[in-house]
Amino acid sequence: MARPKSEEKRKLILSSALQLIAEQGLGASTADIAKRAKLPHGSVFTYFETKADLLNALYLELKQELAGVILEDLPYDDKPRAQLEHLWLAWTAWGMANPSSRRALAQLSVSDQISDGSRNAAFALAAPAIGLLRSVSSTGALTNVSENYVNAIVEALVSATIDYMLAYPKEGNATQKAGFELLWRAISA
């Protein structure tokens, strides 16, 4: 009879994978992940059949964490601008507070190892935020463009803003505010 799996070991493997992907990229080996977790190499495959399964699990965990942060206390009854500003402030604050998670998520987001099922699940997690972007952008210059294109614009602007805030922390608040104004004008006008 097989031993029951430990949620603690699973989380340790995911945490080690996150750190190594943030440091080394997607080429980080499962052997190095196990070593970082201080577990035998085979333990990785006890919890994840393949490296792709591990990457998909980490991708979904990070997307779930980010969605939870940006949607927490979202002022649904407020005007769209206030809602979008809430998302912006929460997202940029998360990126500043979690640089390794942000780097790993950026790598995972462009990986061909991430399945359509995982991408669809991540999309569902962020559905309220995506719906808000769709609503705000539906009346301006972006009316007839793909939702994926609008999402890509927003993600690129968030990323550029966080990068600048990390490089120039003294300008962080001003940069965060300017980034939001740029976003608002870009997608609502």
N, C-alpha and C. Protein backbone atom coordinates (compact mmCIF):
# COMPACT_ATOMS: atom_id res chain seq x y z
N MET A 1 0.84 -1.18 0.00
CA MET A 1 0.00 0.00 0.00
C MET A 1 0.89 1.25 0.00
N ALA A 2 0.61 2.16 -0.87
CA ALA A 2 1.41 3.39 -0.99
C ALA A 2 1.15 4.31 0.19
N ARG A 3 2.23 5.00 0.59
CA ARG A 3 2.08 5.98 1.67
C ARG A 3 1.26 7.16 1.18
N PRO A 4 0.48 7.75 2.08
CA PRO A 4 -0.28 8.94 1.68
C PRO A 4 0.68 10.09 1.36
N LYS A 5 0.28 10.89 0.42
CA LYS A 5 1.10 12.04 0.03
C LYS A 5 0.99 13.14 1.08
N SER A 6 2.09 13.83 1.26
CA SER A 6 2.15 14.92 2.23
C SER A 6 1.93 16.26 1.52
N GLU A 7 0.92 17.00 1.96
CA GLU A 7 0.67 18.32 1.38
C GLU A 7 1.85 19.24 1.64
N GLU A 8 2.52 19.04 2.77
CA GLU A 8 3.69 19.85 3.10
C GLU A 8 4.82 19.64 2.09
N LYS A 9 5.05 18.38 1.69
CA LYS A 9 6.10 18.10 0.70
C LYS A 9 5.71 18.66 -0.66
N ARG A 10 4.44 18.53 -1.00
CA ARG A 10 3.97 19.07 -2.28
C ARG A 10 4.23 20.58 -2.34
N LYS A 11 3.88 21.28 -1.27
CA LYS A 11 4.10 22.73 -1.21
C LYS A 11 5.58 23.07 -1.25
N LEU A 12 6.39 22.25 -0.61
CA LEU A 12 7.84 22.47 -0.61
C LEU A 12 8.40 22.32 -2.02
N ILE A 13 7.92 21.34 -2.76
CA ILE A 13 8.36 21.15 -4.15
C ILE A 13 7.94 22.36 -4.99
N LEU A 14 6.69 22.79 -4.84
CA LEU A 14 6.21 23.95 -5.60
C LEU A 14 7.00 25.21 -5.25
N SER A 15 7.27 25.41 -3.98
CA SER A 15 8.04 26.58 -3.54
C SER A 15 9.46 26.55 -4.10
N SER A 16 10.08 25.38 -4.09
CA SER A 16 11.43 25.24 -4.64
C SER A 16 11.42 25.47 -6.15
N ALA A 17 10.41 24.95 -6.82
CA ALA A 17 10.29 25.17 -8.26
C ALA A 17 10.12 26.65 -8.56
N LEU A 18 9.30 27.33 -7.79
CA LEU A 18 9.08 28.77 -7.98
C LEU A 18 10.41 29.52 -7.89
N GLN A 19 11.17 29.26 -6.84
CA GLN A 19 12.43 29.97 -6.64
C GLN A 19 13.42 29.69 -7.77
N LEU A 20 13.54 28.43 -8.16
CA LEU A 20 14.50 28.09 -9.22
C LEU A 20 14.07 28.63 -10.57
N ILE A 21 12.79 28.60 -10.87
CA ILE A 21 12.32 29.17 -12.14
C ILE A 21 12.55 30.67 -12.15
N ALA A 22 12.32 31.33 -11.03
CA ALA A 22 12.57 32.77 -10.94
C ALA A 22 14.06 33.07 -11.14
N GLU A 23 14.92 32.21 -10.63
CA GLU A 23 16.37 32.43 -10.72
C GLU A 23 16.95 31.97 -12.05
N GLN A 24 16.53 30.78 -12.53
CA GLN A 24 17.18 30.14 -13.68
C GLN A 24 16.32 30.06 -14.93
N GLY A 25 15.03 30.25 -14.78
CA GLY A 25 14.13 30.08 -15.91
C GLY A 25 13.55 28.68 -15.93
N LEU A 26 12.84 28.38 -17.00
CA LEU A 26 12.13 27.11 -17.10
C LEU A 26 13.04 25.91 -17.29
N GLY A 27 14.32 26.17 -17.54
CA GLY A 27 15.28 25.08 -17.69
C GLY A 27 15.69 24.45 -16.37
N ALA A 28 15.23 25.00 -15.26
CA ALA A 28 15.56 24.42 -13.95
C ALA A 28 15.15 22.95 -13.95
N SER A 29 16.07 22.09 -13.55
CA SER A 29 15.80 20.65 -13.60
C SER A 29 15.01 20.19 -12.39
N THR A 30 14.31 19.07 -12.56
CA THR A 30 13.59 18.50 -11.43
C THR A 30 14.58 18.02 -10.37
N ALA A 31 15.77 17.61 -10.77
CA ALA A 31 16.80 17.22 -9.78
C ALA A 31 17.18 18.41 -8.92
N ASP A 32 17.35 19.57 -9.54
CA ASP A 32 17.68 20.78 -8.77
C ASP A 32 16.52 21.21 -7.88
N ILE A 33 15.30 21.04 -8.38
CA ILE A 33 14.12 21.38 -7.58
C ILE A 33 14.07 20.49 -6.34
N ALA A 34 14.29 19.19 -6.54
CA ALA A 34 14.30 18.26 -5.40
C ALA A 34 15.42 18.61 -4.42
N LYS A 35 16.59 18.93 -4.96
CA LYS A 35 17.73 19.30 -4.11
C LYS A 35 17.41 20.54 -3.28
N ARG A 36 16.81 21.55 -3.92
CA ARG A 36 16.44 22.78 -3.21
C ARG A 36 15.42 22.46 -2.11
N ALA A 37 14.53 21.52 -2.39
CA ALA A 37 13.50 21.13 -1.42
C ALA A 37 14.04 20.17 -0.35
N LYS A 38 15.30 19.73 -0.54
CA LYS A 38 15.93 18.76 0.38
C LYS A 38 15.13 17.45 0.42
N LEU A 39 14.75 17.03 -0.79
CA LEU A 39 14.01 15.78 -0.95
C LEU A 39 14.71 14.92 -1.99
N PRO A 40 14.51 13.60 -1.95
CA PRO A 40 15.06 12.76 -3.02
C PRO A 40 14.42 13.14 -4.37
N HIS A 41 15.19 13.01 -5.44
CA HIS A 41 14.71 13.40 -6.77
C HIS A 41 13.38 12.74 -7.11
N GLY A 42 13.24 11.47 -6.77
CA GLY A 42 12.01 10.74 -7.08
C GLY A 42 10.77 11.31 -6.42
N SER A 43 10.97 12.06 -5.34
CA SER A 43 9.82 12.65 -4.64
C SER A 43 9.05 13.61 -5.52
N VAL A 44 9.75 14.30 -6.39
CA VAL A 44 9.08 15.23 -7.30
C VAL A 44 8.03 14.47 -8.10
N PHE A 45 8.39 13.27 -8.56
CA PHE A 45 7.50 12.50 -9.42
C PHE A 45 6.45 11.71 -8.63
N THR A 46 6.59 11.69 -7.33
CA THR A 46 5.53 11.14 -6.48
C THR A 46 4.34 12.10 -6.47
N TYR A 47 4.65 13.39 -6.55
CA TYR A 47 3.62 14.42 -6.47
C TYR A 47 3.19 14.96 -7.84
N PHE A 48 4.08 14.88 -8.81
CA PHE A 48 3.80 15.39 -10.16
C PHE A 48 4.37 14.37 -11.15
N GLU A 49 3.51 13.80 -12.00
CA GLU A 49 3.95 12.74 -12.90
C GLU A 49 5.07 13.20 -13.82
N THR A 50 4.98 14.44 -14.28
CA THR A 50 5.98 14.97 -15.22
C THR A 50 6.36 16.39 -14.79
N LYS A 51 7.42 16.88 -15.39
CA LYS A 51 7.80 18.26 -15.12
C LYS A 51 6.70 19.20 -15.60
N ALA A 52 6.07 18.86 -16.72
CA ALA A 52 4.97 19.69 -17.22
C ALA A 52 3.84 19.76 -16.20
N ASP A 53 3.54 18.65 -15.54
CA ASP A 53 2.50 18.67 -14.50
C ASP A 53 2.89 19.60 -13.36
N LEU A 54 4.16 19.57 -12.98
CA LEU A 54 4.66 20.47 -11.94
C LEU A 54 4.52 21.93 -12.37
N LEU A 55 4.92 22.23 -13.61
CA LEU A 55 4.82 23.60 -14.11
C LEU A 55 3.37 24.07 -14.17
N ASN A 56 2.48 23.20 -14.59
CA ASN A 56 1.05 23.57 -14.65
C ASN A 56 0.49 23.81 -13.25
N ALA A 57 0.88 22.99 -12.30
CA ALA A 57 0.41 23.17 -10.92
C ALA A 57 0.92 24.49 -10.35
N LEU A 58 2.18 24.81 -10.62
CA LEU A 58 2.74 26.07 -10.13
C LEU A 58 2.07 27.26 -10.80
N TYR A 59 1.86 27.17 -12.11
CA TYR A 59 1.18 28.23 -12.85
C TYR A 59 -0.19 28.52 -12.25
N LEU A 60 -0.96 27.46 -12.01
CA LEU A 60 -2.30 27.64 -11.45
C LEU A 60 -2.26 28.17 -10.02
N GLU A 61 -1.29 27.72 -9.24
CA GLU A 61 -1.17 28.23 -7.87
C GLU A 61 -0.87 29.74 -7.89
N LEU A 62 0.03 30.16 -8.76
CA LEU A 62 0.38 31.59 -8.83
C LEU A 62 -0.79 32.41 -9.37
N LYS A 63 -1.48 31.89 -10.38
CA LYS A 63 -2.63 32.60 -10.92
C LYS A 63 -3.75 32.72 -9.87
N GLN A 64 -3.93 31.65 -9.09
CA GLN A 64 -4.95 31.68 -8.04
C GLN A 64 -4.57 32.70 -6.97
N GLU A 65 -3.29 32.73 -6.60
CA GLU A 65 -2.84 33.70 -5.60
C GLU A 65 -3.06 35.13 -6.11
N LEU A 66 -2.66 35.40 -7.34
CA LEU A 66 -2.80 36.73 -7.90
C LEU A 66 -4.28 37.12 -8.02
N ALA A 67 -5.10 36.21 -8.52
CA ALA A 67 -6.54 36.51 -8.64
C ALA A 67 -7.14 36.80 -7.27
N GLY A 68 -6.75 36.04 -6.27
CA GLY A 68 -7.25 36.28 -4.92
C GLY A 68 -6.90 37.66 -4.42
N VAL A 69 -5.67 38.08 -4.71
CA VAL A 69 -5.21 39.40 -4.26
C VAL A 69 -5.95 40.52 -4.99
N ILE A 70 -6.05 40.43 -6.30
CA ILE A 70 -6.64 41.56 -7.05
C ILE A 70 -8.15 41.64 -6.88
N LEU A 71 -8.78 40.50 -6.59
CA LEU A 71 -10.24 40.51 -6.45
C LEU A 71 -10.70 40.72 -5.01
N GLU A 72 -9.78 40.60 -4.06
CA GLU A 72 -10.15 40.79 -2.66
C GLU A 72 -10.62 42.23 -2.44
N ASP A 73 -11.77 42.36 -1.84
CA ASP A 73 -12.35 43.67 -1.53
C ASP A 73 -12.60 44.53 -2.77
N LEU A 74 -12.75 43.91 -3.93
CA LEU A 74 -13.05 44.67 -5.14
C LEU A 74 -14.37 45.41 -4.93
N PRO A 75 -14.39 46.71 -5.15
CA PRO A 75 -15.62 47.49 -4.92
C PRO A 75 -16.60 47.33 -6.09
N TYR A 76 -17.29 46.19 -6.13
CA TYR A 76 -18.20 45.87 -7.24
C TYR A 76 -19.29 46.92 -7.43
N ASP A 77 -19.69 47.58 -6.37
CA ASP A 77 -20.77 48.57 -6.47
C ASP A 77 -20.27 49.95 -6.87
N ASP A 78 -18.98 50.10 -7.00
CA ASP A 78 -18.40 51.40 -7.34
C ASP A 78 -18.32 51.54 -8.86
N LYS A 79 -17.90 52.71 -9.31
CA LYS A 79 -17.75 52.98 -10.74
C LYS A 79 -16.61 52.15 -11.31
N PRO A 80 -16.66 51.86 -12.62
CA PRO A 80 -15.61 51.05 -13.24
C PRO A 80 -14.19 51.59 -13.01
N ARG A 81 -14.03 52.91 -13.03
CA ARG A 81 -12.69 53.47 -12.82
C ARG A 81 -12.16 53.09 -11.44
N ALA A 82 -12.99 53.18 -10.42
CA ALA A 82 -12.57 52.83 -9.06
C ALA A 82 -12.27 51.33 -8.95
N GLN A 83 -13.06 50.52 -9.63
CA GLN A 83 -12.82 49.08 -9.63
C GLN A 83 -11.48 48.76 -10.31
N LEU A 84 -11.25 49.38 -11.46
CA LEU A 84 -10.01 49.13 -12.19
C LEU A 84 -8.81 49.64 -11.40
N GLU A 85 -8.97 50.76 -10.73
CA GLU A 85 -7.87 51.28 -9.92
C GLU A 85 -7.55 50.32 -8.77
N HIS A 86 -8.58 49.74 -8.18
CA HIS A 86 -8.37 48.74 -7.13
C HIS A 86 -7.55 47.57 -7.68
N LEU A 87 -7.93 47.05 -8.85
CA LEU A 87 -7.20 45.94 -9.47
C LEU A 87 -5.75 46.34 -9.71
N TRP A 88 -5.55 47.53 -10.27
CA TRP A 88 -4.21 48.02 -10.59
C TRP A 88 -3.33 48.11 -9.34
N LEU A 89 -3.86 48.75 -8.31
CA LEU A 89 -3.08 48.94 -7.09
C LEU A 89 -2.75 47.59 -6.44
N ALA A 90 -3.72 46.69 -6.41
CA ALA A 90 -3.48 45.38 -5.81
C ALA A 90 -2.46 44.58 -6.62
N TRP A 91 -2.58 44.62 -7.95
CA TRP A 91 -1.68 43.85 -8.82
C TRP A 91 -0.26 44.38 -8.72
N THR A 92 -0.08 45.68 -8.81
CA THR A 92 1.27 46.24 -8.73
C THR A 92 1.87 46.03 -7.34
N ALA A 93 1.05 46.12 -6.30
CA ALA A 93 1.55 45.86 -4.94
C ALA A 93 1.98 44.40 -4.80
N TRP A 94 1.21 43.49 -5.36
CA TRP A 94 1.57 42.07 -5.32
C TRP A 94 2.90 41.85 -6.03
N GLY A 95 3.06 42.45 -7.20
CA GLY A 95 4.30 42.29 -7.94
C GLY A 95 5.51 42.83 -7.19
N MET A 96 5.32 43.94 -6.51
CA MET A 96 6.40 44.52 -5.71
C MET A 96 6.75 43.63 -4.52
N ALA A 97 5.74 43.08 -3.89
CA ALA A 97 5.94 42.27 -2.68
C ALA A 97 6.41 40.84 -3.00
N ASN A 98 6.19 40.39 -4.23
CA ASN A 98 6.48 39.01 -4.61
C ASN A 98 7.27 38.94 -5.91
N PRO A 99 8.48 39.50 -5.94
CA PRO A 99 9.22 39.54 -7.21
C PRO A 99 9.54 38.16 -7.78
N SER A 100 9.82 37.19 -6.93
CA SER A 100 10.12 35.84 -7.44
C SER A 100 8.87 35.21 -8.04
N SER A 101 7.74 35.37 -7.38
CA SER A 101 6.49 34.83 -7.92
C SER A 101 6.17 35.49 -9.25
N ARG A 102 6.38 36.78 -9.34
CA ARG A 102 6.11 37.52 -10.57
C ARG A 102 7.01 37.04 -11.71
N ARG A 103 8.31 36.86 -11.42
CA ARG A 103 9.24 36.39 -12.45
C ARG A 103 8.88 34.98 -12.91
N ALA A 104 8.58 34.11 -11.95
CA ALA A 104 8.22 32.74 -12.30
C ALA A 104 6.93 32.72 -13.12
N LEU A 105 5.94 33.51 -12.73
CA LEU A 105 4.68 33.55 -13.46
C LEU A 105 4.88 34.08 -14.88
N ALA A 106 5.74 35.06 -15.03
CA ALA A 106 6.03 35.59 -16.37
C ALA A 106 6.63 34.49 -17.26
N GLN A 107 7.53 33.70 -16.70
CA GLN A 107 8.15 32.60 -17.47
C GLN A 107 7.09 31.54 -17.82
N LEU A 108 6.30 31.18 -16.83
CA LEU A 108 5.30 30.14 -17.04
C LEU A 108 4.23 30.58 -18.03
N SER A 109 3.89 31.84 -18.02
CA SER A 109 2.82 32.35 -18.88
C SER A 109 3.15 32.23 -20.36
N VAL A 110 4.42 32.22 -20.71
CA VAL A 110 4.81 32.11 -22.12
C VAL A 110 5.30 30.71 -22.48
N SER A 111 5.19 29.79 -21.54
CA SER A 111 5.68 28.43 -21.77
C SER A 111 4.69 27.59 -22.56
N ASP A 112 5.22 26.81 -23.51
CA ASP A 112 4.36 25.89 -24.24
C ASP A 112 4.05 24.64 -23.41
N GLN A 113 4.62 24.55 -22.22
CA GLN A 113 4.34 23.43 -21.31
C GLN A 113 3.01 23.63 -20.57
N ILE A 114 2.51 24.85 -20.56
CA ILE A 114 1.26 25.13 -19.85
C ILE A 114 0.10 24.73 -20.76
N SER A 115 -0.74 23.86 -20.25
CA SER A 115 -1.83 23.30 -21.06
C SER A 115 -2.96 24.31 -21.26
N ASP A 116 -3.75 24.05 -22.29
CA ASP A 116 -4.94 24.87 -22.51
C ASP A 116 -5.89 24.78 -21.32
N GLY A 117 -5.96 23.60 -20.71
CA GLY A 117 -6.81 23.43 -19.54
C GLY A 117 -6.38 24.33 -18.39
N SER A 118 -5.07 24.42 -18.18
CA SER A 118 -4.57 25.30 -17.12
C SER A 118 -4.81 26.76 -17.46
N ARG A 119 -4.61 27.11 -18.72
CA ARG A 119 -4.85 28.50 -19.13
C ARG A 119 -6.33 28.86 -18.96
N ASN A 120 -7.21 27.94 -19.33
CA ASN A 120 -8.65 28.19 -19.18
C ASN A 120 -9.04 28.30 -17.71
N ALA A 121 -8.44 27.47 -16.87
CA ALA A 121 -8.72 27.53 -15.43
C ALA A 121 -8.25 28.87 -14.86
N ALA A 122 -7.09 29.34 -15.30
CA ALA A 122 -6.58 30.63 -14.84
C ALA A 122 -7.48 31.76 -15.31
N PHE A 123 -7.96 31.66 -16.53
CA PHE A 123 -8.89 32.65 -17.08
C PHE A 123 -10.15 32.71 -16.22
N ALA A 124 -10.65 31.54 -15.83
CA ALA A 124 -11.86 31.48 -15.00
C ALA A 124 -11.62 32.11 -13.63
N LEU A 125 -10.43 31.89 -13.07
CA LEU A 125 -10.11 32.48 -11.76
C LEU A 125 -10.18 34.00 -11.80
N ALA A 126 -9.76 34.56 -12.92
CA ALA A 126 -9.70 36.02 -13.06
C ALA A 126 -10.91 36.59 -13.80
N ALA A 127 -11.95 35.80 -13.97
CA ALA A 127 -13.11 36.23 -14.77
C ALA A 127 -13.67 37.59 -14.38
N PRO A 128 -13.84 37.91 -13.10
CA PRO A 128 -14.36 39.25 -12.78
C PRO A 128 -13.44 40.38 -13.26
N ALA A 129 -12.15 40.19 -13.14
CA ALA A 129 -11.20 41.22 -13.59
C ALA A 129 -11.23 41.33 -15.11
N ILE A 130 -11.28 40.21 -15.78
CA ILE A 130 -11.32 40.21 -17.24
C ILE A 130 -12.62 40.83 -17.73
N GLY A 131 -13.71 40.53 -17.04
CA GLY A 131 -15.00 41.14 -17.39
C GLY A 131 -14.97 42.65 -17.23
N LEU A 132 -14.32 43.12 -16.18
CA LEU A 132 -14.18 44.57 -15.97
C LEU A 132 -13.37 45.20 -17.11
N LEU A 133 -12.27 44.57 -17.49
CA LEU A 133 -11.46 45.09 -18.60
C LEU A 133 -12.28 45.13 -19.89
N ARG A 134 -13.05 44.07 -20.12
CA ARG A 134 -13.89 44.01 -21.32
C ARG A 134 -14.91 45.15 -21.30
N SER A 135 -15.52 45.37 -20.16
CA SER A 135 -16.53 46.42 -20.03
C SER A 135 -15.93 47.81 -20.26
N VAL A 136 -14.81 48.08 -19.62
CA VAL A 136 -14.17 49.40 -19.74
C VAL A 136 -13.68 49.64 -21.16
N SER A 137 -13.13 48.61 -21.79
CA SER A 137 -12.56 48.79 -23.13
C SER A 137 -13.59 48.72 -24.25
N SER A 138 -14.83 48.39 -23.92
CA SER A 138 -15.85 48.20 -24.96
C SER A 138 -16.39 49.50 -25.55
N THR A 139 -16.05 50.63 -24.97
CA THR A 139 -16.59 51.89 -25.47
C THR A 139 -15.53 52.78 -26.11
N GLY A 140 -14.29 52.37 -26.08
CA GLY A 140 -13.22 53.23 -26.59
C GLY A 140 -12.59 52.70 -27.86
N ALA A 141 -11.35 53.06 -28.05
CA ALA A 141 -10.61 52.69 -29.26
C ALA A 141 -10.39 51.19 -29.39
N LEU A 142 -10.51 50.47 -28.29
CA LEU A 142 -10.26 49.03 -28.32
C LEU A 142 -11.53 48.20 -28.48
N THR A 143 -12.61 48.84 -28.88
CA THR A 143 -13.90 48.17 -29.00
C THR A 143 -13.84 46.92 -29.87
N ASN A 144 -13.16 47.00 -30.99
CA ASN A 144 -13.18 45.91 -31.96
C ASN A 144 -11.93 45.06 -31.96
N VAL A 145 -11.19 45.06 -30.85
CA VAL A 145 -9.99 44.23 -30.80
C VAL A 145 -10.22 43.04 -29.88
N SER A 146 -9.40 42.05 -30.04
CA SER A 146 -9.50 40.83 -29.27
C SER A 146 -9.33 41.09 -27.77
N GLU A 147 -10.12 40.39 -27.00
CA GLU A 147 -10.00 40.44 -25.53
C GLU A 147 -8.58 40.05 -25.11
N ASN A 148 -8.00 39.08 -25.82
CA ASN A 148 -6.63 38.66 -25.50
C ASN A 148 -5.64 39.79 -25.71
N TYR A 149 -5.88 40.61 -26.73
CA TYR A 149 -4.99 41.75 -26.99
C TYR A 149 -5.10 42.78 -25.86
N VAL A 150 -6.30 43.07 -25.42
CA VAL A 150 -6.50 44.00 -24.30
C VAL A 150 -5.80 43.45 -23.06
N ASN A 151 -5.98 42.17 -22.78
CA ASN A 151 -5.32 41.56 -21.62
C ASN A 151 -3.80 41.66 -21.74
N ALA A 152 -3.27 41.45 -22.94
CA ALA A 152 -1.82 41.53 -23.15
C ALA A 152 -1.32 42.95 -22.91
N ILE A 153 -2.08 43.94 -23.36
CA ILE A 153 -1.70 45.35 -23.13
C ILE A 153 -1.64 45.63 -21.63
N VAL A 154 -2.66 45.19 -20.92
CA VAL A 154 -2.72 45.44 -19.47
C VAL A 154 -1.56 44.74 -18.77
N GLU A 155 -1.31 43.48 -19.10
CA GLU A 155 -0.21 42.74 -18.47
C GLU A 155 1.13 43.40 -18.76
N ALA A 156 1.33 43.87 -19.99
CA ALA A 156 2.59 44.53 -20.34
C ALA A 156 2.77 45.83 -19.56
N LEU A 157 1.69 46.59 -19.41
CA LEU A 157 1.78 47.84 -18.66
C LEU A 157 2.01 47.59 -17.17
N VAL A 158 1.36 46.59 -16.62
CA VAL A 158 1.60 46.22 -15.22
C VAL A 158 3.06 45.82 -15.04
N SER A 159 3.56 44.99 -15.94
CA SER A 159 4.94 44.52 -15.85
C SER A 159 5.93 45.67 -15.94
N ALA A 160 5.73 46.55 -16.91
CA ALA A 160 6.64 47.70 -17.07
C ALA A 160 6.60 48.59 -15.85
N THR A 161 5.43 48.79 -15.29
CA THR A 161 5.28 49.64 -14.11
C THR A 161 6.00 49.02 -12.90
N ILE A 162 5.80 47.74 -12.69
CA ILE A 162 6.46 47.07 -11.56
C ILE A 162 7.97 47.10 -11.74
N ASP A 163 8.44 46.82 -12.96
CA ASP A 163 9.89 46.87 -13.22
C ASP A 163 10.46 48.23 -12.86
N TYR A 164 9.78 49.28 -13.26
CA TYR A 164 10.25 50.64 -12.99
C TYR A 164 10.19 50.93 -11.49
N MET A 165 9.12 50.50 -10.84
CA MET A 165 9.00 50.72 -9.40
C MET A 165 10.10 50.00 -8.62
N LEU A 166 10.47 48.81 -9.07
CA LEU A 166 11.55 48.07 -8.42
C LEU A 166 12.89 48.74 -8.65
N ALA A 167 13.09 49.27 -9.86
CA ALA A 167 14.36 49.93 -10.18
C ALA A 167 14.49 51.29 -9.51
N TYR A 168 13.37 51.98 -9.34
CA TYR A 168 13.37 53.34 -8.78
C TYR A 168 12.34 53.43 -7.65
N PRO A 169 12.61 52.79 -6.52
CA PRO A 169 11.62 52.72 -5.45
C PRO A 169 11.17 54.08 -4.91
N LYS A 170 12.02 55.08 -4.97
CA LYS A 170 11.63 56.40 -4.47
C LYS A 170 10.52 57.01 -5.31
N GLU A 171 10.41 56.56 -6.55
CA GLU A 171 9.37 57.06 -7.45
C GLU A 171 8.16 56.13 -7.51
N GLY A 172 8.13 55.14 -6.62
CA GLY A 172 7.12 54.09 -6.67
C GLY A 172 5.69 54.56 -6.71
N ASN A 173 5.29 55.41 -5.75
CA ASN A 173 3.89 55.86 -5.70
C ASN A 173 3.52 56.67 -6.93
N ALA A 174 4.40 57.57 -7.34
CA ALA A 174 4.11 58.39 -8.52
C ALA A 174 4.03 57.52 -9.77
N THR A 175 4.91 56.53 -9.85
CA THR A 175 4.91 55.63 -11.00
C THR A 175 3.64 54.80 -11.03
N GLN A 176 3.24 54.30 -9.87
CA GLN A 176 2.02 53.50 -9.78
C GLN A 176 0.80 54.31 -10.22
N LYS A 177 0.71 55.55 -9.77
CA LYS A 177 -0.41 56.42 -10.14
C LYS A 177 -0.37 56.76 -11.63
N ALA A 178 0.81 57.09 -12.14
CA ALA A 178 0.94 57.43 -13.56
C ALA A 178 0.60 56.22 -14.43
N GLY A 179 1.03 55.04 -14.00
CA GLY A 179 0.72 53.83 -14.75
C GLY A 179 -0.77 53.59 -14.83
N PHE A 180 -1.47 53.82 -13.72
CA PHE A 180 -2.92 53.64 -13.75
C PHE A 180 -3.57 54.64 -14.69
N GLU A 181 -3.16 55.90 -14.64
CA GLU A 181 -3.74 56.91 -15.53
C GLU A 181 -3.52 56.52 -16.99
N LEU A 182 -2.33 56.02 -17.28
CA LEU A 182 -2.03 55.57 -18.64
C LEU A 182 -2.95 54.41 -19.03
N LEU A 183 -3.11 53.46 -18.13
CA LEU A 183 -4.00 52.33 -18.40
C LEU A 183 -5.43 52.80 -18.64
N TRP A 184 -5.93 53.65 -17.75
CA TRP A 184 -7.30 54.12 -17.87
C TRP A 184 -7.53 54.81 -19.21
N ARG A 185 -6.63 55.68 -19.57
CA ARG A 185 -6.78 56.41 -20.83
C ARG A 185 -6.63 55.49 -22.03
N ALA A 186 -5.76 54.51 -21.92
CA ALA A 186 -5.53 53.59 -23.04
C ALA A 186 -6.74 52.71 -23.32
N ILE A 187 -7.39 52.23 -22.28
CA ILE A 187 -8.47 51.28 -22.55
C ILE A 187 -9.87 51.86 -22.47
N SER A 188 -10.01 53.06 -21.92
CA SER A 188 -11.37 53.62 -21.81
C SER A 188 -11.67 54.68 -22.85
N ALA A 189 -10.65 55.23 -23.46
CA ALA A 189 -10.85 56.34 -24.41
C ALA A 189 -11.23 55.85 -25.79
